[in-house]
Amino acid sequence: MFNKAIVAIDKVIDESGWDEPQKAYASSMINAMIFSLILFIPVFLVLLAVNISSDESIFTVQNLLRLVFAIIVLDAMRNNGSK
């Protein structure tokens, strides 16, 4: 999944005209970001599932629908502004 993105990022870093230390720094920061995404997305989903399944959950159906609606509206606003 991340293979094409990593290859594209490496190509951009190689063609950037930076010195070797700058290339190494940028590459390590990108790798750290990808690693943290891979690590923290499942952790977030597990914590969200535990919170939803608890008795005193703030995640009611109404709040979940509000969240979905807010995401849809924000996505529409973002797409509208990019035209």
Protein backbone atom coordinates (compact mmCIF):
# COMPACT_ATOMS: atom_id res chain seq x y z
CA MET A 1 0.00 0.00 0.00
CA PHE A 2 2.73 2.44 0.95
CA ASN A 3 5.23 1.08 -1.59
CA LYS A 4 4.30 3.44 -4.45
CA ALA A 5 4.17 6.41 -2.09
CA ILE A 6 7.59 5.61 -0.64
CA VAL A 7 9.11 5.26 -4.11
CA ALA A 8 7.57 8.58 -5.19
CA ILE A 9 8.80 10.35 -2.06
CA ASP A 10 12.31 8.93 -2.51
CA LYS A 11 12.30 10.12 -6.13
CA VAL A 12 11.30 13.65 -5.07
CA ILE A 13 13.99 13.69 -2.36
CA ASP A 14 16.65 12.46 -4.82
CA GLU A 15 15.74 15.12 -7.40
CA SER A 16 15.51 17.95 -4.86
CA GLY A 17 19.10 19.12 -5.20
CA TRP A 18 19.74 18.89 -1.47
CA ASP A 19 23.00 17.86 0.15
CA GLU A 20 23.33 14.30 1.45
CA PRO A 21 22.69 15.22 5.13
CA GLN A 22 19.50 17.06 4.15
CA LYS A 23 18.34 14.10 2.05
CA ALA A 24 19.02 11.71 4.93
CA TYR A 25 17.15 13.94 7.38
CA ALA A 26 14.12 14.29 5.09
CA SER A 27 14.08 10.57 4.38
CA SER A 28 14.25 9.66 8.06
CA MET A 29 11.42 12.08 8.91
CA ILE A 30 9.21 10.61 6.18
CA ASN A 31 10.00 7.08 7.38
CA ALA A 32 9.19 8.05 10.96
CA MET A 33 5.87 9.53 9.87
CA ILE A 34 4.92 6.39 7.92
CA PHE A 35 5.95 4.18 10.84
CA SER A 36 3.87 6.22 13.28
CA LEU A 37 0.85 6.00 10.98
CA ILE A 38 1.21 2.24 10.73
CA LEU A 39 1.63 1.96 14.50
CA PHE A 40 -0.93 4.44 15.81
CA ILE A 41 -3.91 3.86 13.52
CA PRO A 42 -4.60 0.36 14.94
CA VAL A 43 -4.00 1.65 18.48
CA PHE A 44 -6.51 4.45 17.89
CA LEU A 45 -9.07 2.01 16.49
CA VAL A 46 -8.71 -0.32 19.47
CA LEU A 47 -9.09 2.55 21.93
CA LEU A 48 -12.11 3.81 20.01
CA ALA A 49 -13.70 0.34 20.11
CA VAL A 50 -13.11 0.10 23.86
CA ASN A 51 -14.63 3.53 24.40
CA ILE A 52 -17.68 2.71 22.27
CA SER A 53 -18.27 -0.59 24.05
CA SER A 54 -18.01 0.86 27.56
CA ASP A 55 -21.22 1.47 29.54
CA GLU A 56 -20.77 5.22 29.99
CA SER A 57 -19.82 5.92 26.42
CA ILE A 58 -20.01 9.38 24.89
CA PHE A 59 -20.37 7.72 21.50
CA THR A 60 -24.11 7.56 21.04
CA VAL A 61 -25.66 7.03 17.63
CA GLN A 62 -26.61 10.70 17.50
CA ASN A 63 -23.05 11.85 18.24
CA LEU A 64 -21.68 9.38 15.69
CA LEU A 65 -24.05 10.74 13.02
CA ARG A 66 -23.01 14.29 13.92
CA LEU A 67 -19.37 13.31 13.49
CA VAL A 68 -20.02 11.70 10.10
CA PHE A 69 -22.01 14.77 8.99
CA ALA A 70 -19.21 17.10 10.11
CA ILE A 71 -16.63 15.04 8.19
CA ILE A 72 -18.79 15.13 5.05
CA VAL A 73 -19.30 18.90 5.33
CA LEU A 74 -15.59 19.56 5.92
CA ASP A 75 -14.64 17.33 3.00
CA ALA A 76 -17.11 19.15 0.74
CA MET A 77 -15.72 22.51 1.85
CA ARG A 78 -12.16 21.33 1.17
CA ASN A 79 -13.07 20.01 -2.28
CA ASN A 80 -15.01 23.18 -3.10
CA GLY A 81 -12.05 25.39 -2.25
CA SER A 82 -9.60 23.43 -4.40
CA LYS A 83 -11.36 24.18 -7.71
